[in-house]
C-alpha cells in the first residue's frame, strides 16, 4: 500500500523534465527570431508603399515605368532580363525582375528608344541592384562575350 501511494504521488506531483522545458524555451526563441525577420521584410515593403513628396510611392513609380515601357520590350530583351535575374532565389525572383524591369523601362523611355536593348538591360540592372551583385554581372557578361567597359562608370559609383 505504501509503495502505491509513493508511486502515485511521484506521478501526479512531479514537474516536467528539464529537457522538455529547455526545448520549449528553444522553440520560443526560434519563433521570436523568425517573427522578427518576417516583420523586418514586411516593414521594408510598407516603406515602399508610403507616398513620397510627389504623391506616388516607389511601387507606383515601378508600375508606371513597367506599363509605359511594355510595348518596347522584345523577346530577346525579356529573355536577357530573365537570364540576369537567374541567381536571385526563386521566391524573390519575380519581385526583383519587376523592379529591375522598371528601371530598364525608365531608361529606355527617357532615351526615346523604339525598343529595349541589351544596353538598356545592363544599365538598368546596374542601377537597380546593389553593389554586391555587380560581380555576378561581370562574370555573366564575360561568359556571354559582352564587353562591360562602357559600364564601368556605373559600376564604380
Protein backbone atom coordinates (compact mmCIF):
# COMPACT_ATOMS: atom_id res chain seq x y z
CA UNK A 1 0.00 0.00 0.00
CA UNK A 2 2.77 2.40 0.87
CA UNK A 3 4.55 1.70 -2.43
CA UNK A 4 1.44 2.58 -4.48
CA UNK A 5 0.99 5.85 -2.59
CA UNK A 6 4.62 6.80 -3.27
CA UNK A 7 4.31 5.92 -6.96
CA UNK A 8 1.05 7.86 -7.35
CA UNK A 9 2.48 10.86 -5.53
CA UNK A 10 5.57 10.96 -7.81
CA UNK A 11 3.43 10.62 -10.94
CA UNK A 12 0.99 13.39 -10.08
CA UNK A 13 3.19 15.99 -8.42
CA UNK A 14 6.36 15.93 -10.47
CA UNK A 15 7.44 18.88 -12.61
CA UNK A 16 8.11 18.41 -16.34
CA UNK A 17 11.63 17.21 -17.14
CA UNK A 18 14.26 19.88 -17.73
CA UNK A 19 14.86 18.77 -21.35
CA UNK A 20 11.20 19.47 -22.11
CA UNK A 21 11.35 22.95 -20.60
CA UNK A 22 14.60 23.65 -22.46
CA UNK A 23 13.07 22.58 -25.78
CA UNK A 24 10.04 24.83 -25.15
CA UNK A 25 12.38 27.76 -24.43
CA UNK A 26 14.50 26.99 -27.52
CA UNK A 27 11.49 26.87 -29.87
CA UNK A 28 10.11 30.02 -28.27
CA UNK A 29 13.32 31.88 -29.17
CA UNK A 30 13.32 30.39 -32.68
CA UNK A 31 9.73 31.53 -33.26
CA UNK A 32 10.51 35.01 -31.89
CA UNK A 33 13.51 35.27 -34.23
CA UNK A 34 11.51 34.19 -37.26
CA UNK A 35 8.76 36.67 -36.43
CA UNK A 36 11.36 39.47 -36.17
CA UNK A 37 12.83 38.55 -39.57
CA UNK A 38 9.37 38.46 -41.16
CA UNK A 39 8.49 41.77 -39.55
CA UNK A 40 11.64 43.35 -40.94
CA UNK A 41 10.71 42.37 -44.51
CA UNK A 42 7.10 43.45 -44.02
CA UNK A 43 8.29 46.82 -42.72
CA UNK A 44 10.53 47.27 -45.78
CA UNK A 45 7.55 46.55 -48.02
CA UNK A 46 5.48 49.04 -46.02
CA UNK A 47 8.11 51.74 -46.58
CA UNK A 48 7.93 51.16 -50.34
CA UNK A 49 4.18 51.79 -50.31
CA UNK A 50 4.41 55.14 -48.47
CA UNK A 51 3.95 58.12 -50.80
CA UNK A 52 6.89 60.39 -51.44
CA UNK A 53 6.85 64.18 -51.89
CA UNK A 54 5.35 63.83 -55.39
CA UNK A 55 2.41 61.82 -54.05
CA UNK A 56 3.46 58.49 -55.59
CA UNK A 57 5.18 55.63 -53.81
CA UNK A 58 8.18 53.69 -55.04
CA UNK A 59 5.88 50.84 -56.13
CA UNK A 60 3.63 53.29 -58.01
CA UNK A 61 6.63 54.54 -59.95
CA UNK A 62 7.79 51.00 -60.70
CA UNK A 63 4.36 50.10 -62.05
CA UNK A 64 4.27 53.31 -64.07
CA UNK A 65 7.61 52.64 -65.80
CA UNK A 66 6.79 48.98 -66.45
CA UNK A 67 3.46 49.89 -68.08
CA UNK A 68 4.94 52.81 -70.03
CA UNK A 69 7.72 50.64 -71.46
CA UNK A 70 5.67 47.47 -72.06
CA UNK A 71 5.42 47.98 -75.87
CA UNK A 72 9.19 48.49 -76.10
CA UNK A 73 10.13 45.04 -74.80
CA UNK A 74 11.22 42.43 -77.34
CA UNK A 75 11.51 38.69 -76.79
CA UNK A 76 15.30 39.00 -76.80
CA UNK A 77 15.29 41.68 -74.09
CA UNK A 78 12.80 39.70 -71.97
CA UNK A 79 14.98 36.60 -72.25
CA UNK A 80 18.11 38.61 -71.39
CA UNK A 81 16.41 40.05 -68.30
CA UNK A 82 15.37 36.53 -67.30
CA UNK A 83 18.99 35.39 -67.54
CA UNK A 84 20.15 38.37 -65.48
CA UNK A 85 17.82 37.57 -62.57
CA UNK A 86 18.52 33.80 -62.53
CA UNK A 87 20.81 33.94 -59.43
CA UNK A 88 18.02 35.54 -57.38
CA UNK A 89 16.29 32.91 -55.19
CA UNK A 90 13.01 31.67 -56.67
CA UNK A 91 10.56 33.25 -54.19
CA UNK A 92 12.09 36.71 -54.74
CA UNK A 93 12.80 36.45 -58.47
CA UNK A 94 9.51 37.97 -59.70
CA UNK A 95 9.84 40.97 -57.39
CA UNK A 96 13.46 41.53 -58.42
CA UNK A 97 12.55 41.15 -62.08
CA UNK A 98 9.76 43.72 -61.73
CA UNK A 99 11.93 46.34 -60.01
CA UNK A 100 14.81 45.84 -62.47
CA UNK A 101 12.39 45.96 -65.43
CA UNK A 102 11.02 49.25 -64.10
CA UNK A 103 14.49 50.78 -64.08
CA UNK A 104 15.25 49.40 -67.55
CA UNK A 105 11.94 50.74 -68.85
CA UNK A 106 12.63 54.14 -67.34
CA UNK A 107 15.99 54.32 -69.10
CA UNK A 108 14.50 53.18 -72.43
CA UNK A 109 11.59 55.64 -72.29
CA UNK A 110 13.73 58.58 -71.19
CA UNK A 111 16.24 57.98 -74.00
CA UNK A 112 13.40 57.82 -76.54
CA UNK A 113 14.31 54.36 -77.81
CA UNK A 114 11.98 52.37 -80.03
CA UNK A 115 12.78 49.14 -78.16
CA UNK A 116 14.56 47.88 -75.06
CA UNK A 117 18.07 46.72 -75.95
CA UNK A 118 20.70 44.75 -74.09
CA UNK A 119 22.45 48.04 -73.38
CA UNK A 120 19.34 49.28 -71.55
CA UNK A 121 19.11 45.98 -69.67
CA UNK A 122 22.70 46.16 -68.45
CA UNK A 123 22.43 49.82 -67.41
CA UNK A 124 19.11 49.22 -65.66
CA UNK A 125 20.44 46.14 -63.88
CA UNK A 126 23.46 48.09 -62.59
CA UNK A 127 21.32 50.99 -61.36
CA UNK A 128 18.60 48.82 -59.79
CA UNK A 129 20.82 46.34 -57.94
CA UNK A 130 23.20 46.74 -55.00
CA UNK A 131 26.97 46.67 -55.47
CA UNK A 132 27.24 43.12 -54.15
CA UNK A 133 25.53 41.87 -57.34
CA UNK A 134 27.99 43.52 -59.71
CA UNK A 135 30.47 40.63 -59.53
CA UNK A 136 27.81 38.25 -60.86
CA UNK A 137 27.01 40.70 -63.66
CA UNK A 138 30.63 40.99 -64.74
CA UNK A 139 31.02 37.20 -64.71
CA UNK A 140 27.77 36.78 -66.66
CA UNK A 141 28.78 39.38 -69.28
CA UNK A 142 32.22 37.80 -69.62
CA UNK A 143 30.61 34.36 -70.25
CA UNK A 144 28.30 35.89 -72.87
CA UNK A 145 31.23 37.65 -74.56
CA UNK A 146 29.84 41.13 -73.84
CA UNK A 147 32.33 43.91 -73.09
CA UNK A 148 31.40 45.70 -69.87
CA UNK A 149 33.97 48.52 -70.08
CA UNK A 150 31.32 51.04 -71.31
CA UNK A 151 29.50 50.49 -67.99
CA UNK A 152 32.48 50.82 -65.64
CA UNK A 153 31.49 54.39 -64.72
CA UNK A 154 28.21 52.97 -63.38
CA UNK A 155 29.93 50.06 -61.63
CA UNK A 156 32.34 52.38 -59.79
CA UNK A 157 29.70 54.66 -58.27
